[in-house]
PDB file of N, CA and C in Angstrom:
ATOM      1  N   SER A   1       0.640  -0.759   0.116  1.00  0.00           N
ATOM      2  CA  SER A   1      -0.028   0.415  -0.060  1.00  0.00           C
ATOM      3  C   SER A   1       1.021   1.207   0.272  1.00  0.00           C
ATOM      4  N   LYS A   2       0.281   2.034  -0.154  1.00  0.00           N
ATOM      5  CA  LYS A   2       0.691   3.578  -0.795  1.00  0.00           C
ATOM      6  C   LYS A   2       1.841   3.901   0.791  1.00  0.00           C
ATOM      7  N   ASP A   3       0.594   3.961   1.481  1.00  0.00           N
ATOM      8  CA  ASP A   3       1.106   4.164   3.673  1.00  0.00           C
ATOM      9  C   ASP A   3       2.689   3.141   4.381  1.00  0.00           C
ATOM     10  N   GLU A   4       2.444   2.119   3.571  1.00  0.00           N
ATOM     11  CA  GLU A   4       3.237   1.577   4.281  1.00  0.00           C
ATOM     12  C   GLU A   4       4.638   1.408   3.507  1.00  0.00           C
ATOM     13  N   ASP A   5       4.597   1.990   1.618  1.00  0.00           N
ATOM     14  CA  ASP A   5       5.411   2.735   0.956  1.00  0.00           C
ATOM     15  C   ASP A   5       6.565   3.467   1.617  1.00  0.00           C
ATOM     16  N   GLU A   6       5.316   4.568   1.872  1.00  0.00           N
ATOM     17  CA  GLU A   6       5.729   5.955   2.633  1.00  0.00           C
ATOM     18  C   GLU A   6       6.468   5.378   4.210  1.00  0.00           C
ATOM     19  N   VAL A   7       5.936   5.108   4.804  1.00  0.00           N
ATOM     20  CA  VAL A   7       6.807   4.319   6.655  1.00  0.00           C
ATOM     21  C   VAL A   7       8.002   3.892   5.473  1.00  0.00           C
ATOM     22  N   GLU A   8       8.565   3.021   4.753  1.00  0.00           N
ATOM     23  CA  GLU A   8       9.961   2.030   4.355  1.00  0.00           C
ATOM     24  C   GLU A   8      10.676   3.724   4.024  1.00  0.00           C
ATOM     25  N   ASP A   9      10.309   3.923   2.953  1.00  0.00           N
ATOM     26  CA  ASP A   9      10.793   4.808   2.024  1.00  0.00           C
ATOM     27  C   ASP A   9      11.140   6.703   3.195  1.00  0.00           C
ATOM     28  N   THR A  10      10.611   6.389   4.328  1.00  0.00           N
ATOM     29  CA  THR A  10      11.013   7.078   5.635  1.00  0.00           C
ATOM     30  C   THR A  10      12.297   6.657   5.977  1.00  0.00           C
ATOM     31  N   GLU A  11      11.962   4.878   6.501  1.00  0.00           N
ATOM     32  CA  GLU A  11      12.790   4.923   7.763  1.00  0.00           C
ATOM     33  C   GLU A  11      14.132   3.953   6.576  1.00  0.00           C
ATOM     34  N   VAL A  12      13.996   4.563   4.844  1.00  0.00           N
ATOM     35  CA  VAL A  12      15.519   4.238   3.957  1.00  0.00           C
ATOM     36  C   VAL A  12      16.229   5.389   4.128  1.00  0.00           C
ATOM     37  N   LEU A  13      15.641   6.859   4.106  1.00  0.00           N
ATOM     38  CA  LEU A  13      16.188   7.611   4.605  1.00  0.00           C
ATOM     39  C   LEU A  13      16.821   7.866   5.533  1.00  0.00           C
ATOM     40  N   ALA A  14      16.045   7.439   6.718  1.00  0.00           N
ATOM     41  CA  ALA A  14      16.277   7.615   8.110  1.00  0.00           C
ATOM     42  C   ALA A  14      17.854   6.589   8.245  1.00  0.00           C
ATOM     43  N   GLN A  15      17.802   5.401   8.110  1.00  0.00           N
ATOM     44  CA  GLN A  15      18.887   4.618   7.503  1.00  0.00           C
ATOM     45  C   GLN A  15      20.260   5.468   6.758  1.00  0.00           C
ATOM     46  N   LYS A  16      19.851   5.918   5.432  1.00  0.00           N
ATOM     47  CA  LYS A  16      21.097   6.905   5.257  1.00  0.00           C
ATOM     48  C   LYS A  16      21.136   7.834   6.273  1.00  0.00           C
ATOM     49  N   ARG A  17      20.534   8.188   6.389  1.00  0.00           N
ATOM     50  CA  ARG A  17      20.895   9.404   6.823  1.00  0.00           C
ATOM     51  C   ARG A  17      21.722   9.403   8.609  1.00  0.00           C
ATOM     52  N   ALA A  18      21.655   7.895   8.726  1.00  0.00           N
ATOM     53  CA  ALA A  18      22.383   7.446  10.137  1.00  0.00           C
ATOM     54  C   ALA A  18      23.668   7.312   9.154  1.00  0.00           C
ATOM     55  N   VAL A  19      23.854   6.253   8.325  1.00  0.00           N
ATOM     56  CA  VAL A  19      24.931   6.211   7.508  1.00  0.00           C
ATOM     57  C   VAL A  19      25.964   7.414   7.253  1.00  0.00           C
ATOM     58  N   ARG A  20      25.159   7.900   7.007  1.00  0.00           N
ATOM     59  CA  ARG A  20      25.736   9.514   6.749  1.00  0.00           C
ATOM     60  C   ARG A  20      26.546  10.225   7.457  1.00  0.00           C
ATOM     61  N   SER A  21      25.731  10.393   9.122  1.00  0.00           N
ATOM     62  CA  SER A  21      26.401  10.736   9.323  1.00  0.00           C
ATOM     63  C   SER A  21      27.713  10.330  10.709  1.00  0.00           C
ATOM     64  N   ARG A  22      27.485   9.426  10.586  1.00  0.00           N
ATOM     65  CA  ARG A  22      28.900   7.967  11.017  1.00  0.00           C
ATOM     66  C   ARG A  22      29.577   7.970  10.265  1.00  0.00           C
ATOM     67  N   LEU A  23      29.373   8.325   9.361  1.00  0.00           N
ATOM     68  CA  LEU A  23      30.755   8.263   7.455  1.00  0.00           C
ATOM     69  C   LEU A  23      31.105   9.678   8.825  1.00  0.00           C
ATOM     70  N   LEU A  24      30.441  10.766   8.571  1.00  0.00           N
ATOM     71  CA  LEU A  24      30.948  12.537   9.179  1.00  0.00           C
ATOM     72  C   LEU A  24      31.891  11.704  10.427  1.00  0.00           C
ATOM     73  N   THR A  25      31.288  11.756  10.945  1.00  0.00           N
ATOM     74  CA  THR A  25      31.915  11.786  12.991  1.00  0.00           C
ATOM     75  C   THR A  25      33.559  10.214  12.542  1.00  0.00           C
ATOM     76  N   LEU A  26      33.622   9.467  11.376  1.00  0.00           N
ATOM     77  CA  LEU A  26      34.796   9.012  11.505  1.00  0.00           C
ATOM     78  C   LEU A  26      35.596  10.135  10.383  1.00  0.00           C
ATOM     79  N   ARG A  27      34.989  10.770   9.943  1.00  0.00           N
ATOM     80  CA  ARG A  27      35.912  11.241   8.762  1.00  0.00           C
ATOM     81  C   ARG A  27      36.515  12.873   9.579  1.00  0.00           C
ATOM     82  N   ASP A  28      35.738  13.176  11.059  1.00  0.00           N
ATOM     83  CA  ASP A  28      36.777  13.965  11.203  1.00  0.00           C
ATOM     84  C   ASP A  28      37.474  13.679  12.202  1.00  0.00           C
ATOM     85  N   HIS A  29      37.687  12.054  12.452  1.00  0.00           N
ATOM     86  CA  HIS A  29      38.372  11.387  13.188  1.00  0.00           C
ATOM     87  C   HIS A  29      39.754  10.652  12.583  1.00  0.00           C
ATOM     88  N   VAL A  30      40.142  11.202  11.271  1.00  0.00           N
ATOM     89  CA  VAL A  30      40.771  10.984  10.113  1.00  0.00           C
ATOM     90  C   VAL A  30      41.696  12.208   9.824  1.00  0.00           C
ATOM     91  N   PRO A  31      43.123  11.985  10.863  1.00  0.00           N
ATOM     92  CA  PRO A  31      43.903  13.808  10.345  1.00  0.00           C
ATOM     93  C   PRO A  31      43.539  13.944   9.110  1.00  0.00           C
ATOM     94  N   GLU A  32      43.696  12.472   8.412  1.00  0.00           N
ATOM     95  CA  GLU A  32      44.241  12.818   6.245  1.00  0.00           C
ATOM     96  C   GLU A  32      42.790  14.048   6.318  1.00  0.00           C
ATOM     97  N   LEU A  33      41.972  13.945   6.822  1.00  0.00           N
ATOM     98  CA  LEU A  33      40.304  14.021   6.118  1.00  0.00           C
ATOM     99  C   LEU A  33      40.122  15.671   6.618  1.00  0.00           C
ATOM    100  N   VAL A  34      40.363  15.806   8.055  1.00  0.00           N
ATOM    101  CA  VAL A  34      39.123  16.091   9.105  1.00  0.00           C
ATOM    102  C   VAL A  34      38.649  17.399   8.122  1.00  0.00           C
ATOM    103  N   LYS A  35      39.722  18.054   7.190  1.00  0.00           N
ATOM    104  CA  LYS A  35      39.434  19.447   6.297  1.00  0.00           C
ATOM    105  C   LYS A  35      38.496  19.242   5.762  1.00  0.00           C
ATOM    106  N   ASN A  36      38.594  18.152   4.629  1.00  0.00           N
ATOM    107  CA  ASN A  36      37.598  17.452   3.235  1.00  0.00           C
ATOM    108  C   ASN A  36      35.904  17.510   3.624  1.00  0.00           C
ATOM    109  N   GLU A  37      35.808  18.426   3.965  1.00  0.00           N
ATOM    110  CA  GLU A  37      34.357  18.628   4.106  1.00  0.00           C
ATOM    111  C   GLU A  37      32.898  17.344   2.998  1.00  0.00           C
ATOM    112  N   SER A  38      33.767  17.570   1.878  1.00  0.00           N
ATOM    113  CA  SER A  38      32.897  16.316   0.834  1.00  0.00           C
ATOM    114  C   SER A  38      33.300  15.308   0.313  1.00  0.00           C
ATOM    115  N   ALA A  39      34.843  15.310   1.429  1.00  0.00           N
ATOM    116  CA  ALA A  39      35.324  13.378   1.061  1.00  0.00           C
ATOM    117  C   ALA A  39      34.075  11.926   0.758  1.00  0.00           C
ATOM    118  N   ALA A  40      34.357  11.346  -0.458  1.00  0.00           N
ATOM    119  CA  ALA A  40      33.373  10.399  -0.187  1.00  0.00           C
ATOM    120  C   ALA A  40      33.339   9.241   0.640  1.00  0.00           C
ATOM    121  N   ALA A  41      32.253   8.523   0.430  1.00  0.00           N
ATOM    122  CA  ALA A  41      32.388   7.374   1.666  1.00  0.00           C
ATOM    123  C   ALA A  41      33.564   6.152   1.268  1.00  0.00           C
ATOM    124  N   ILE A  42      34.049   6.177   0.374  1.00  0.00           N
ATOM    125  CA  ILE A  42      34.584   5.418  -0.098  1.00  0.00           C
ATOM    126  C   ILE A  42      36.189   5.763   0.529  1.00  0.00           C
ATOM    127  N   LEU A  43      36.331   7.644   0.003  1.00  0.00           N
ATOM    128  CA  LEU A  43      37.535   7.322   0.859  1.00  0.00           C
ATOM    129  C   LEU A  43      37.688   7.799   1.843  1.00  0.00           C
ATOM    130  N   ILE A  44      36.873   7.679   2.981  1.00  0.00           N
ATOM    131  CA  ILE A  44      36.726   7.926   4.593  1.00  0.00           C
ATOM    132  C   ILE A  44      36.645   6.471   4.595  1.00  0.00           C
ATOM    133  N   LEU A  45      36.042   5.606   4.422  1.00  0.00           N
ATOM    134  CA  LEU A  45      36.861   4.340   4.576  1.00  0.00           C
ATOM    135  C   LEU A  45      37.932   3.920   4.575  1.00  0.00           C
ATOM    136  N   ASN A  46      37.983   4.122   3.311  1.00  0.00           N
ATOM    137  CA  ASN A  46      39.955   3.667   2.638  1.00  0.00           C
ATOM    138  C   ASN A  46      40.944   4.613   3.968  1.00  0.00           C
ATOM    139  N   LYS A  47      40.715   5.975   4.169  1.00  0.00           N
ATOM    140  CA  LYS A  47      41.584   6.692   4.734  1.00  0.00           C
ATOM    141  C   LYS A  47      41.621   6.094   6.431  1.00  0.00           C
ATOM    142  N   ALA A  48      39.826   5.848   6.491  1.00  0.00           N
ATOM    143  CA  ALA A  48      39.917   5.578   8.133  1.00  0.00           C
ATOM    144  C   ALA A  48      40.622   4.116   8.509  1.00  0.00           C
ATOM    145  N   THR A  49      41.591   3.688   6.674  1.00  0.00           N
ATOM    146  CA  THR A  49      41.458   1.670   7.658  1.00  0.00           C
ATOM    147  C   THR A  49      43.273   2.108   7.721  1.00  0.00           C
ATOM    148  N   ASP A  50      43.582   2.840   6.139  1.00  0.00           N
ATOM    149  CA  ASP A  50      45.177   3.358   6.904  1.00  0.00           C
ATOM    150  C   ASP A  50      45.353   3.849   7.481  1.00  0.00           C
ATOM    151  N   TYR A  51      44.723   4.944   8.196  1.00  0.00           N
ATOM    152  CA  TYR A  51      44.857   5.436   9.768  1.00  0.00           C
ATOM    153  C   TYR A  51      45.071   4.436  10.853  1.00  0.00           C
ATOM    154  N   ILE A  52      44.028   3.645  10.315  1.00  0.00           N
ATOM    155  CA  ILE A  52      44.005   2.853  11.637  1.00  0.00           C
ATOM    156  C   ILE A  52      45.218   1.685  11.465  1.00  0.00           C
ATOM    157  N   HIS A  53      46.014   1.115  10.277  1.00  0.00           N
ATOM    158  CA  HIS A  53      46.453   0.379  10.445  1.00  0.00           C
ATOM    159  C   HIS A  53      48.171   1.771  10.548  1.00  0.00           C
ATOM    160  N   SER A  54      48.002   2.469  10.134  1.00  0.00           N
ATOM    161  CA  SER A  54      49.620   3.262  11.301  1.00  0.00           C
ATOM    162  C   SER A  54      49.974   3.824  12.214  1.00  0.00           C
ATOM    163  N   LEU A  55      48.459   3.480  13.190  1.00  0.00           N
ATOM    164  CA  LEU A  55      48.016   3.129  14.847  1.00  0.00           C
ATOM    165  C   LEU A  55      48.762   2.272  14.953  1.00  0.00           C
ATOM    166  N   GLN A  56      48.487   0.599  14.906  1.00  0.00           N
ATOM    167  CA  GLN A  56      48.303   0.037  14.901  1.00  0.00           C
ATOM    168  C   GLN A  56      50.262  -0.425  14.932  1.00  0.00           C
ATOM    169  N   ALA A  57      50.780  -0.014  14.094  1.00  0.00           N
ATOM    170  CA  ALA A  57      52.058   0.319  13.707  1.00  0.00           C
ATOM    171  C   ALA A  57      53.049   1.075  14.977  1.00  0.00           C
ATOM    172  N   GLU A  58      52.049   2.211  14.756  1.00  0.00           N
ATOM    173  CA  GLU A  58      53.185   2.842  15.757  1.00  0.00           C
ATOM    174  C   GLU A  58      53.035   2.932  17.771  1.00  0.00           C
ATOM    175  N   GLU A  59      51.816   1.617  17.649  1.00  0.00           N
ATOM    176  CA  GLU A  59      51.291   0.863  19.063  1.00  0.00           C
ATOM    177  C   GLU A  59      52.382   0.038  19.661  1.00  0.00           C
ATOM    178  N   GLN A  60      53.148  -0.735  18.270  1.00  0.00           N
ATOM    179  CA  GLN A  60      53.340  -2.309  18.293  1.00  0.00           C
ATOM    180  C   GLN A  60      54.437  -1.358  18.926  1.00  0.00           C
ATOM    181  N   LYS A  61      55.466  -0.274  17.902  1.00  0.00           N
ATOM    182  CA  LYS A  61      56.493   0.533  18.226  1.00  0.00           C
ATOM    183  C   LYS A  61      57.172   0.959  19.462  1.00  0.00           C
ATOM    184  N   LEU A  62      56.245   1.549  20.232  1.00  0.00           N
ATOM    185  CA  LEU A  62      56.309   1.732  20.889  1.00  0.00           C
ATOM    186  C   LEU A  62      56.217   0.759  22.122  1.00  0.00           C
ATOM    187  N   LEU A  63      55.304  -0.563  21.743  1.00  0.00           N
ATOM    188  CA  LEU A  63      55.318  -1.514  22.866  1.00  0.00           C
ATOM    189  C   LEU A  63      56.850  -2.243  22.689  1.00  0.00           C
ATOM    190  N   LEU A  64      57.754  -2.247  21.680  1.00  0.00           N
ATOM    191  CA  LEU A  64      58.420  -2.795  21.826  1.00  0.00           C
ATOM    192  C   LEU A  64      59.926  -1.761  22.290  1.00  0.00           C
ATOM    193  N   GLU A  65      59.727  -0.298  22.477  1.00  0.00           N
ATOM    194  CA  GLU A  65      60.231   0.155  22.902  1.00  0.00           C
ATOM    195  C   GLU A  65      59.860   0.384  24.454  1.00  0.00           C
ATOM    196  N   LYS A  66      58.703   0.484  24.862  1.00  0.00           N
ATOM    197  CA  LYS A  66      58.666  -0.285  26.429  1.00  0.00           C
ATOM    198  C   LYS A  66      59.312  -0.907  27.123  1.00  0.00           C
ATOM    199  N   GLU A  67      58.861  -2.617  26.678  1.00  0.00           N
ATOM    200  CA  GLU A  67      59.709  -3.437  27.277  1.00  0.00           C
ATOM    201  C   GLU A  67      61.469  -3.472  27.010  1.00  0.00           C
ATOM    202  N   ASN A  68      61.860  -2.692  25.790  1.00  0.00           N
ATOM    203  CA  ASN A  68      63.408  -2.337  26.213  1.00  0.00           C
ATOM    204  C   ASN A  68      63.775  -1.282  27.133  1.00  0.00           C
ATOM    205  N   LEU A  69      63.075  -0.015  27.003  1.00  0.00           N
ATOM    206  CA  LEU A  69      62.673   0.396  28.628  1.00  0.00           C
ATOM    207  C   LEU A  69      62.461  -0.431  30.112  1.00  0.00           C
ATOM    208  N   GLN A  70      62.081  -1.319  29.814  1.00  0.00           N
ATOM    209  CA  GLN A  70      61.452  -1.889  30.999  1.00  0.00           C
ATOM    210  C   GLN A  70      62.843  -2.764  31.637  1.00  0.00           C
ATOM    211  N   ALA A  71      63.348  -2.825  29.998  1.00  0.00           N
ATOM    212  CA  ALA A  71      64.467  -3.933  30.300  1.00  0.00           C
ATOM    213  C   ALA A  71      66.033  -3.537  30.152  1.00  0.00           C
ATOM    214  N   ARG A  72      66.278  -2.418  30.482  1.00  0.00           N
ATOM    215  CA  ARG A  72      67.589  -1.590  30.445  1.00  0.00           C
ATOM    216  C   ARG A  72      66.745  -1.203  32.284  1.00  0.00           C
ATOM    217  N   GLN A  73      65.587  -0.770  32.625  1.00  0.00           N
ATOM    218  CA  GLN A  73      65.550  -0.137  34.087  1.00  0.00           C
ATOM    219  C   GLN A  73      65.952  -1.412  35.013  1.00  0.00           C
ATOM    220  N   GLN A  74      65.403  -2.386  34.850  1.00  0.00           N
ATOM    221  CA  GLN A  74      65.756  -3.183  35.710  1.00  0.00           C
ATOM    222  C   GLN A  74      67.848  -4.134  35.560  1.00  0.00           C
ATOM    223  N   GLN A  75      68.357  -4.323  33.821  1.00  0.00           N
ATOM    224  CA  GLN A  75      69.693  -3.830  33.964  1.00  0.00           C
ATOM    225  C   GLN A  75      70.031  -2.465  35.107  1.00  0.00           C
ATOM    226  N   LEU A  76      69.902  -2.316  35.000  1.00  0.00           N
ATOM    227  CA  LEU A  76      69.953  -0.211  36.028  1.00  0.00           C
ATOM    228  C   LEU A  76      69.936  -0.885  37.343  1.00  0.00           C
ATOM    229  N   LEU A  77      68.558  -1.420  38.016  1.00  0.00           N
ATOM    230  CA  LEU A  77      68.875  -1.213  39.203  1.00  0.00           C
ATOM    231  C   LEU A  77      69.174  -2.530  39.934  1.00  0.00           C
ATOM    232  N   LYS A  78      69.276  -3.644  38.907  1.00  0.00           N
ATOM    233  CA  LYS A  78      71.081  -4.677  39.402  1.00  0.00           C
ATOM    234  C   LYS A  78      71.897  -4.119  39.192  1.00  0.00           C
ATOM    235  N   GLU A  79      72.605  -3.479  38.573  1.00  0.00           N
ATOM    236  CA  GLU A  79      73.974  -3.182  38.962  1.00  0.00           C
ATOM    237  C   GLU A  79      73.366  -1.915  39.860  1.00  0.00           C
ATOM    238  N   THR A  80      72.743  -1.064  40.108  1.00  0.00           N
ATOM    239  CA  THR A  80      72.693  -0.305  41.713  1.00  0.00           C
ATOM    240  C   THR A  80      72.613  -0.799  42.485  1.00  0.00           C
ATOM    241  N   GLU A  81      71.749  -1.994  42.643  1.00  0.00           N
ATOM    242  CA  GLU A  81      71.688  -3.070  43.857  1.00  0.00           C
ATOM    243  C   GLU A  81      73.212  -3.517  44.511  1.00  0.00           C
ATOM    244  N   HIS A  82      74.015  -3.953  43.344  1.00  0.00           N
ATOM    245  CA  HIS A  82      75.325  -4.401  42.918  1.00  0.00           C
ATOM    246  C   HIS A  82      76.363  -3.000  43.805  1.00  0.00           C
ATOM    247  N   MET A  83      76.384  -2.097  43.333  1.00  0.00           N
ATOM    248  CA  MET A  83      77.001  -0.848  44.008  1.00  0.00           C
ATOM    249  C   MET A  83      76.603  -0.780  45.379  1.00  0.00           C
ATOM    250  N   GLU A  84      75.437  -0.839  45.584  1.00  0.00           N
ATOM    251  CA  GLU A  84      75.287  -0.365  46.687  1.00  0.00           C
ATOM    252  C   GLU A  84      75.525  -1.864  47.688  1.00  0.00           C
ATOM    253  N   THR A  85      75.762  -3.400  47.764  1.00  0.00           N
ATOM    254  CA  THR A  85      75.757  -4.026  48.381  1.00  0.00           C
ATOM    255  C   THR A  85      77.699  -4.645  47.960  1.00  0.00           C
ATOM    256  N   GLY A  86      77.879  -3.862  47.085  1.00  0.00           N
ATOM    257  CA  GLY A  86      79.390  -4.653  46.290  1.00  0.00           C
ATOM    258  C   GLY A  86      80.549  -3.763  47.270  1.00  0.00           C
TER     259      GLY A  86
END
């Protein structure tokens, strides 16, 4: 019926608005796209994926650096103990 079609159309439009709103929110969290007001959905998704991968790589680098610093700290603590008791 016509009423059912109108309700369905309204729901589809609401879903499209919700998706677009979420895409714009995502765009605003990707540094490369912050000022790109007209970015297409596929560009937003691709750049967001690239940004996530770069953040993951940075996280791995920082975790390795943290492990190295913790190992160095333990080494220095042992040296300090040895100096105090020696």
